[in-house]
Each structure stands twice: as structure tokens, then as C-alpha cells.
């Protein structure tokens, strides 16, 4: 409605008037006034870290399996009964050590006959009673029998450890059937698959880092072999990494390998600069002599620094430590700059 002088006023019963009255009632009931953004209190003494870009070696972490550099599955070359077994899984063996003996009676009988025939034909050749061709046939049979007799013993081809024993005395040894598996001791590799896009960085001799999960040990290593061609199923390349670890390694164990795959520029801060509230991670930066909260997205940690993927820019000055708790807008006083980049 309008007053006699023409000014417009709201009725108390109108919607605007009701909202205004409700607001006045809230204020009268003790609601807090809006902050002026001017925090009170003495400035807090803080330590500052200057943010700068730094070039770091980018690495790809591949999950790998510990494998022996040298291993062998041993089988008999002849069919015969196993007479005795001399080792158990876990036993250390020397090169040439006997692992099992086979029943050689039939083999020895064949060897004795072939040897006797060979000696007889040699004497006959001296008397020109047989030809050289006939002697050669007999000699060939003798050599085969001699080789077969040598197969009556299963021996270790190199020094190592017996990891599997798949036979017992009385079993029948059949050519091609594995009887033992041995691995060379203290010579292991980590076999890992890497994406084919990193294949150009997988060079023989390239330095790597290896972490053994079972022991927690971090070892130095180098790429010893790269299997050419990517696997069609995974589009990955198999690399074999020689690891120089102080502690013992176990075949089939789990390990992680970090391979250098180029360089990139990053921003990182000391871990003490990062703060967390619930699911939010943030830092305080210096702005006009005050602490300003800045949400960030942390990345991987390296060399006592934590990479920051977003939220900071080169030139930002981050609060690392403070003499007491600080909040957004808190006046601060700088102690010293701890470093940059």
C-alpha cells in the first residue's frame, strides 16, 4: 500500500515482512554475527618451505616373481627301476653329486655283451677276417650301451639346492618324467611384466630398485635380460632383473621392481606440511602475512618429500611447522625458510 505522500510500504502480513521479522527474531535469539574475516590474536611463529619445480626420475613399479637364474628338471634317459634316492628337498648338492641310482642289471649285461663283441671284432679285423664297416657297426652298438649304462645314475649338473623330489625307491623311471628339480643357490632374478609403452626404457644393464616383500629389504639391481616381443594377452614385456640382496631370497617369492622410465617435473613438499581433516588433505600457504588453507592432492613419497599432484604452484610458500595450532587467516611470523624445491 502507499502512504499519503506516495511512498510504498509492505504490509506486515506480506511474505517479505514475515521473512524480515523471522530474521530479526533469529538475531534476538543469539545468532552469531557474520565474521569480518579479521582473526584476532598474536602472530604465530612458523617455518616456511619455498615451493619450486624439480626434475625427478620417473619410475614404473612392476610386480614380479623371484626366480632362480639357473634351474634344471632332471629325468632319466632310460627306463629302469629306481634302486635308491640319496637326497631330500632342501638338501644342498655339489656338481656331479649322485641324486638317485637305477637298477642297472639289464644295462650292464647289454654293455658287457657289446664290449665283448667290440673286442672280438677288433682282433678279427687285425686278421682281415672282418671289414672296417662291420667293426664300425659293432663299435657304434658298444658306445650306445656304454652311454646307457652311465644313465643308471642321476647326478646334479651344477651346485645348488634340491627344491623338488618326485620319486622314491621302487618307482619306475621313464624317459621324460621329471624326478628332481634343483636350483642354483644365491643366484636369483626378479621376473616382471612392464607395459609395452615402457619397452624403450627396458635396456639390458639399466639400474633398477627391487623390494622384497617377505623381508622388506630394498636391493639394487639391473636388467639382465629382456624377452623380445610383447605378450599378446597383456601387451606387456617380460624383463628379468638381477637383484643384489643381502638377505636370502626364496624362489617363487613376491617382489616389486622400480624401473626408470624417463624424467618429469614435479612439485613436492616435506611430509610435515601436509594436514588432514576427514577425507580432505591440505596445506597452509603464506598470503599477505596470514595462513591460507589450500586443498591439495598428494602423490607418491620420494626422498623424504611428498609429491603434490595439484593445489600448489611454483613460488608458493608453504608452512611446514608452527609453534602452535594455526587456522585459515591466522596472522603469522616467519622464522626461516627451510629450503626450496
Protein backbone atom coordinates (compact mmCIF):
# COMPACT_ATOMS: atom_id res chain seq x y z
CA UNK A 1 0.00 0.00 0.00
CA UNK A 2 1.09 3.62 -0.30
CA UNK A 3 1.27 6.41 2.31
CA UNK A 4 -0.38 9.81 1.74
CA UNK A 5 2.95 11.13 0.42
CA UNK A 6 3.09 8.37 -2.15
CA UNK A 7 5.75 6.08 -0.57
CA UNK A 8 5.19 2.33 -0.85
CA UNK A 9 5.32 0.17 2.31
CA UNK A 10 4.94 -3.59 2.87
CA UNK A 11 2.08 -4.92 4.88
CA UNK A 12 3.02 -6.86 8.00
CA UNK A 13 1.10 -9.74 6.65
CA UNK A 14 3.02 -9.84 3.37
CA UNK A 15 5.69 -12.51 2.63
CA UNK A 16 8.58 -10.01 2.71
CA UNK A 17 7.53 -8.67 6.06
CA UNK A 18 7.27 -12.13 7.53
CA UNK A 19 10.81 -13.04 6.36
CA UNK A 20 12.21 -9.81 7.82
CA UNK A 21 10.52 -10.45 11.12
CA UNK A 22 11.86 -14.02 11.23
CA UNK A 23 15.41 -12.75 10.65
CA UNK A 24 15.06 -10.23 13.48
CA UNK A 25 13.84 -12.98 15.80
CA UNK A 26 16.91 -15.10 14.96
CA UNK A 27 19.24 -12.24 15.79
CA UNK A 28 17.38 -11.61 19.00
CA UNK A 29 17.73 -15.29 19.94
CA UNK A 30 21.53 -15.09 19.97
CA UNK A 31 22.64 -15.98 16.43
CA UNK A 32 26.33 -15.17 15.75
CA UNK A 33 27.14 -12.18 13.58
CA UNK A 34 28.93 -12.83 10.31
CA UNK A 35 32.74 -12.99 10.63
CA UNK A 36 34.59 -9.94 9.42
CA UNK A 37 37.50 -12.12 8.26
CA UNK A 38 39.90 -10.35 10.62
CA UNK A 39 41.17 -13.01 13.05
CA UNK A 40 42.44 -11.79 16.35
CA UNK A 41 45.49 -12.85 18.36
CA UNK A 42 49.23 -12.55 18.20
CA UNK A 43 51.04 -13.75 15.05
CA UNK A 44 52.18 -17.40 15.20
CA UNK A 45 55.84 -18.18 14.59
CA UNK A 46 56.11 -20.59 11.63
CA UNK A 47 58.73 -22.24 9.44
CA UNK A 48 58.33 -21.82 5.68
CA UNK A 49 59.18 -24.05 2.71
CA UNK A 50 59.50 -22.48 -0.73
CA UNK A 51 57.84 -24.49 -3.50
CA UNK A 52 59.70 -24.94 -6.79
CA UNK A 53 59.66 -27.32 -9.74
CA UNK A 54 62.21 -30.13 -9.62
CA UNK A 55 63.15 -32.70 -12.23
CA UNK A 56 62.93 -36.28 -10.94
CA UNK A 57 63.49 -39.70 -12.41
CA UNK A 58 60.10 -41.14 -13.22
CA UNK A 59 59.79 -44.82 -12.31
CA UNK A 60 57.33 -47.58 -13.04
CA UNK A 61 56.71 -50.10 -10.26
CA UNK A 62 56.19 -53.61 -11.59
CA UNK A 63 55.08 -56.61 -9.57
CA UNK A 64 57.44 -59.53 -10.06
CA UNK A 65 58.26 -63.07 -9.01
CA UNK A 66 61.62 -64.26 -7.72
CA UNK A 67 63.06 -66.96 -9.98
CA UNK A 68 66.43 -68.76 -9.97
CA UNK A 69 68.87 -67.71 -12.64
CA UNK A 70 69.72 -71.39 -13.21
CA UNK A 71 67.39 -74.32 -12.63
CA UNK A 72 67.03 -77.82 -14.00
CA UNK A 73 64.42 -80.56 -14.11
CA UNK A 74 66.16 -83.92 -14.13
CA UNK A 75 64.71 -87.02 -15.74
CA UNK A 76 66.06 -90.45 -16.58
CA UNK A 77 67.30 -91.18 -20.08
CA UNK A 78 66.41 -94.87 -19.80
CA UNK A 79 63.56 -96.94 -18.43
CA UNK A 80 64.58 -98.67 -15.22
CA UNK A 81 63.54 -99.19 -11.61
CA UNK A 82 64.86 -96.67 -9.08
CA UNK A 83 67.00 -98.53 -6.54
CA UNK A 84 67.83 -95.68 -4.16
CA UNK A 85 67.32 -91.95 -3.64
CA UNK A 86 70.10 -90.04 -1.89
CA UNK A 87 68.59 -86.56 -1.34
CA UNK A 88 65.54 -84.81 0.05
CA UNK A 89 64.01 -81.42 -0.78
CA UNK A 90 66.09 -78.62 0.72
CA UNK A 91 69.39 -80.53 0.52
CA UNK A 92 72.39 -78.68 -0.89
CA UNK A 93 74.22 -80.65 -3.57
CA UNK A 94 77.51 -80.30 -5.42
CA UNK A 95 78.01 -80.54 -9.16
CA UNK A 96 78.16 -84.21 -10.16
CA UNK A 97 76.74 -85.48 -6.86
CA UNK A 98 74.57 -88.59 -7.16
CA UNK A 99 70.88 -87.98 -6.54
CA UNK A 100 69.49 -91.43 -7.35
CA UNK A 101 70.65 -94.82 -8.62
CA UNK A 102 68.72 -97.03 -11.06
CA UNK A 103 68.67 -100.80 -11.39
CA UNK A 104 71.44 -101.29 -13.97
CA UNK A 105 71.48 -105.09 -14.31
CA UNK A 106 69.95 -105.15 -17.79
CA UNK A 107 72.03 -102.15 -18.88
CA UNK A 108 75.23 -103.69 -17.58
CA UNK A 109 74.50 -107.03 -19.27
CA UNK A 110 73.99 -105.22 -22.59
CA UNK A 111 77.18 -103.24 -22.05
CA UNK A 112 79.19 -106.40 -21.30
CA UNK A 113 77.91 -108.12 -24.50
CA UNK A 114 78.58 -105.05 -26.66
CA UNK A 115 82.07 -104.64 -25.22
CA UNK A 116 82.93 -108.31 -25.78
CA UNK A 117 81.72 -108.12 -29.39
CA UNK A 118 83.76 -104.96 -29.97
CA UNK A 119 86.95 -106.52 -28.64
CA UNK A 120 86.40 -109.67 -30.73
CA UNK A 121 85.81 -107.73 -33.95
CA UNK A 122 88.95 -105.66 -33.38
CA UNK A 123 91.01 -108.85 -33.24
CA UNK A 124 89.25 -110.22 -36.31
CA UNK A 125 89.98 -107.02 -38.23
CA UNK A 126 93.70 -107.44 -37.49
CA UNK A 127 93.47 -110.85 -39.20
CA UNK A 128 91.43 -109.38 -42.09
CA UNK A 129 88.55 -111.69 -41.10
CA UNK A 130 86.02 -108.78 -40.99
CA UNK A 131 85.80 -105.46 -42.77
CA UNK A 132 86.18 -101.99 -41.23
CA UNK A 133 82.49 -101.32 -41.90
CA UNK A 134 81.49 -104.35 -39.84
CA UNK A 135 83.71 -103.20 -36.97
CA UNK A 136 82.18 -99.72 -37.13
CA UNK A 137 78.68 -101.15 -36.63
CA UNK A 138 79.77 -103.16 -33.60
CA UNK A 139 81.66 -100.20 -32.17
CA UNK A 140 78.58 -97.99 -32.51
CA UNK A 141 76.49 -100.52 -30.54
CA UNK A 142 79.18 -100.62 -27.85
CA UNK A 143 79.16 -96.83 -27.49
CA UNK A 144 75.37 -96.76 -27.15
CA UNK A 145 75.50 -99.45 -24.44
CA UNK A 146 78.24 -97.56 -22.59
CA UNK A 147 76.20 -94.33 -22.65
CA UNK A 148 73.06 -96.16 -21.46
CA UNK A 149 74.99 -97.61 -18.51
CA UNK A 150 76.11 -94.12 -17.49
CA UNK A 151 72.44 -93.10 -17.35
CA UNK A 152 71.87 -95.52 -14.47
CA UNK A 153 72.87 -92.72 -12.10
CA UNK A 154 71.04 -89.39 -11.81
CA UNK A 155 73.60 -86.70 -10.94
CA UNK A 156 73.39 -82.96 -10.25
CA UNK A 157 74.51 -80.91 -13.26
CA UNK A 158 75.59 -78.00 -11.05
CA UNK A 159 75.84 -76.98 -7.41
CA UNK A 160 72.52 -75.93 -5.92
CA UNK A 161 69.55 -76.90 -3.80
CA UNK A 162 67.01 -79.67 -4.35
CA UNK A 163 63.61 -77.98 -4.45
CA UNK A 164 61.53 -80.96 -5.59
CA UNK A 165 61.85 -84.73 -5.30
CA UNK A 166 59.25 -86.51 -7.41
CA UNK A 167 60.37 -90.10 -6.98
CA UNK A 168 61.06 -92.79 -4.39
CA UNK A 169 62.95 -96.05 -4.33
CA UNK A 170 60.96 -98.69 -6.23
CA UNK A 171 59.40 -96.26 -8.71
CA UNK A 172 59.85 -96.81 -12.40
CA UNK A 173 61.98 -94.14 -14.08
CA UNK A 174 60.65 -93.28 -17.53
CA UNK A 175 62.43 -91.05 -20.05
CA UNK A 176 60.95 -87.55 -19.94
CA UNK A 177 59.39 -87.93 -16.48
CA UNK A 178 60.87 -85.39 -14.03
CA UNK A 179 62.49 -86.97 -10.97
CA UNK A 180 64.18 -83.95 -9.37
CA UNK A 181 64.22 -80.19 -9.69
CA UNK A 182 67.24 -78.24 -8.49
CA UNK A 183 68.08 -74.55 -8.43
CA UNK A 184 71.41 -72.77 -8.24
CA UNK A 185 71.86 -71.23 -4.78
CA UNK A 186 72.27 -67.46 -4.26
CA UNK A 187 71.62 -66.59 -7.90
CA UNK A 188 68.13 -65.21 -8.39
CA UNK A 189 66.28 -62.90 -10.71
CA UNK A 190 63.06 -60.97 -10.46
CA UNK A 191 60.84 -61.59 -13.46
CA UNK A 192 58.31 -58.82 -14.06
CA UNK A 193 55.97 -57.63 -16.79
CA UNK A 194 56.01 -53.98 -17.84
CA UNK A 195 53.64 -52.20 -20.27
CA UNK A 196 54.92 -52.19 -23.82
CA UNK A 197 54.92 -48.37 -23.86
CA UNK A 198 57.90 -48.55 -21.49
CA UNK A 199 59.73 -51.07 -23.65
CA UNK A 200 62.16 -48.45 -24.97
CA UNK A 201 63.43 -47.90 -21.40
CA UNK A 202 63.97 -51.61 -20.70
CA UNK A 203 67.61 -51.88 -21.68
CA UNK A 204 70.00 -54.59 -20.53
CA UNK A 205 72.18 -53.12 -17.80
CA UNK A 206 69.72 -50.38 -16.76
CA UNK A 207 69.77 -49.82 -12.99
CA UNK A 208 66.63 -50.72 -11.03
CA UNK A 209 65.40 -50.88 -7.45
CA UNK A 210 63.99 -54.10 -6.01
CA UNK A 211 61.95 -54.51 -2.83
CA UNK A 212 61.39 -57.99 -1.37
CA UNK A 213 58.06 -58.06 0.43
CA UNK A 214 58.86 -61.05 2.66
CA UNK A 215 61.88 -59.38 4.27
CA UNK A 216 61.18 -55.73 3.49
CA UNK A 217 64.70 -55.45 2.08
CA UNK A 218 65.43 -52.91 -0.64
CA UNK A 219 68.05 -54.14 -3.09
CA UNK A 220 69.89 -52.65 -6.00
CA UNK A 221 69.59 -54.45 -9.31
CA UNK A 222 69.97 -54.21 -13.04
CA UNK A 223 68.11 -55.57 -16.04
CA UNK A 224 69.84 -58.79 -17.06
CA UNK A 225 67.56 -59.93 -19.86
CA UNK A 226 64.64 -58.60 -21.89
CA UNK A 227 62.42 -61.13 -23.63
CA UNK A 228 61.82 -59.75 -27.14
CA UNK A 229 58.25 -59.16 -28.20
CA UNK A 230 55.20 -58.22 -26.16
CA UNK A 231 52.76 -60.79 -24.81
CA UNK A 232 49.58 -60.60 -26.88
CA UNK A 233 47.29 -61.24 -23.89
CA UNK A 234 48.62 -58.44 -21.68
CA UNK A 235 50.50 -56.19 -24.13
CA UNK A 236 53.42 -56.45 -21.73
CA UNK A 237 57.13 -57.14 -21.99
CA UNK A 238 58.92 -59.61 -19.71
CA UNK A 239 62.09 -58.31 -18.08
CA UNK A 240 64.46 -60.30 -15.87
CA UNK A 241 66.23 -58.28 -13.21
CA UNK A 242 69.38 -59.40 -11.41
CA UNK A 243 68.96 -58.45 -7.74
CA UNK A 244 71.90 -57.95 -5.36
CA UNK A 245 70.24 -58.56 -2.00
CA UNK A 246 71.96 -59.11 1.32
CA UNK A 247 69.33 -61.45 2.74
CA UNK A 248 68.31 -64.84 1.34
CA UNK A 249 65.78 -64.96 -1.48
CA UNK A 250 63.16 -67.64 -1.95
CA UNK A 251 62.15 -68.92 -5.33
CA UNK A 252 58.55 -68.04 -6.13
CA UNK A 253 58.55 -65.13 -3.68
CA UNK A 254 56.92 -61.76 -4.29
CA UNK A 255 58.96 -58.69 -5.18
CA UNK A 256 58.48 -55.23 -6.64
CA UNK A 257 60.80 -53.67 -9.18
CA UNK A 258 61.02 -49.94 -9.90
CA UNK A 259 62.36 -49.22 -13.37
CA UNK A 260 63.42 -45.78 -14.63
CA UNK A 261 61.08 -44.69 -17.44
CA UNK A 262 62.13 -41.10 -18.12
CA UNK A 263 62.12 -37.77 -16.33
CA UNK A 264 59.41 -35.28 -15.36
CA UNK A 265 58.97 -32.05 -13.42
CA UNK A 266 57.17 -32.25 -10.09
CA UNK A 267 56.28 -30.21 -7.04
CA UNK A 268 56.98 -31.77 -3.67
CA UNK A 269 56.82 -30.69 -0.03
CA UNK A 270 58.05 -32.10 3.29
CA UNK A 271 55.56 -34.55 4.84
CA UNK A 272 55.18 -32.23 7.86
CA UNK A 273 53.50 -29.64 5.63
CA UNK A 274 50.55 -31.91 4.85
CA UNK A 275 47.48 -31.88 7.09
CA UNK A 276 44.32 -33.96 7.01
CA UNK A 277 40.78 -33.43 8.23
CA UNK A 278 38.49 -36.32 7.43
CA UNK A 279 38.89 -37.03 3.73
CA UNK A 280 40.41 -33.61 2.99
CA UNK A 281 44.15 -33.07 2.70
CA UNK A 282 45.51 -29.56 2.71
CA UNK A 283 48.44 -27.27 3.44
CA UNK A 284 48.74 -23.72 4.70
CA UNK A 285 50.42 -21.22 2.41
CA UNK A 286 51.53 -17.70 3.27
CA UNK A 287 49.31 -14.97 1.81
CA UNK A 288 49.62 -11.32 2.87
CA UNK A 289 51.20 -12.28 6.18
CA UNK A 290 48.49 -14.78 7.03
CA UNK A 291 47.98 -18.55 6.79
CA UNK A 292 45.71 -19.51 3.90
CA UNK A 293 44.36 -23.06 3.67
CA UNK A 294 44.93 -24.74 0.29
CA UNK A 295 43.43 -28.12 -0.63
CA UNK A 296 45.97 -30.41 -2.31
CA UNK A 297 46.16 -33.86 -3.87
CA UNK A 298 49.25 -35.72 -2.61
CA UNK A 299 51.13 -38.20 -4.78
CA UNK A 300 53.90 -40.71 -4.06
CA UNK A 301 56.62 -40.09 -1.47
CA UNK A 302 60.26 -39.99 -2.51
CA UNK A 303 63.49 -38.90 -0.82
CA UNK A 304 61.77 -37.52 2.31
CA UNK A 305 59.37 -35.45 0.19
CA UNK A 306 55.76 -36.00 -0.85
CA UNK A 307 54.80 -35.15 -4.40
CA UNK A 308 51.84 -32.78 -4.76
CA UNK A 309 49.80 -33.50 -7.88
CA UNK A 310 47.53 -30.47 -7.64
CA UNK A 311 46.85 -27.47 -5.42
CA UNK A 312 50.27 -25.79 -5.41
CA UNK A 313 52.25 -23.70 -7.86
CA UNK A 314 55.95 -22.84 -8.08
CA UNK A 315 56.61 -19.83 -5.88
CA UNK A 316 54.06 -20.77 -3.21
CA UNK A 317 55.39 -20.60 0.34
CA UNK A 318 54.12 -23.47 2.46
CA UNK A 319 54.01 -23.56 6.26
CA UNK A 320 55.90 -26.64 7.45
CA UNK A 321 55.82 -26.14 11.23
CA UNK A 322 54.21 -23.73 13.66
CA UNK A 323 54.77 -23.03 17.35
CA UNK A 324 51.09 -23.69 17.99
CA UNK A 325 47.92 -24.61 16.11
CA UNK A 326 47.01 -22.32 13.24
CA UNK A 327 43.84 -21.78 11.26
CA UNK A 328 42.82 -20.20 7.98
CA UNK A 329 43.54 -16.47 8.14
CA UNK A 330 45.81 -16.70 11.17
CA UNK A 331 48.48 -13.94 11.28
CA UNK A 332 51.92 -15.50 11.07
CA UNK A 333 55.52 -14.53 11.63
CA UNK A 334 58.21 -16.31 9.63
CA UNK A 335 61.13 -17.94 11.38
CA UNK A 336 63.23 -19.03 8.42
CA UNK A 337 62.89 -20.63 5.02
CA UNK A 338 63.81 -24.30 5.22
CA UNK A 339 64.56 -24.77 1.54
CA UNK A 340 63.05 -24.88 -1.89
CA UNK A 341 62.10 -27.46 -4.42
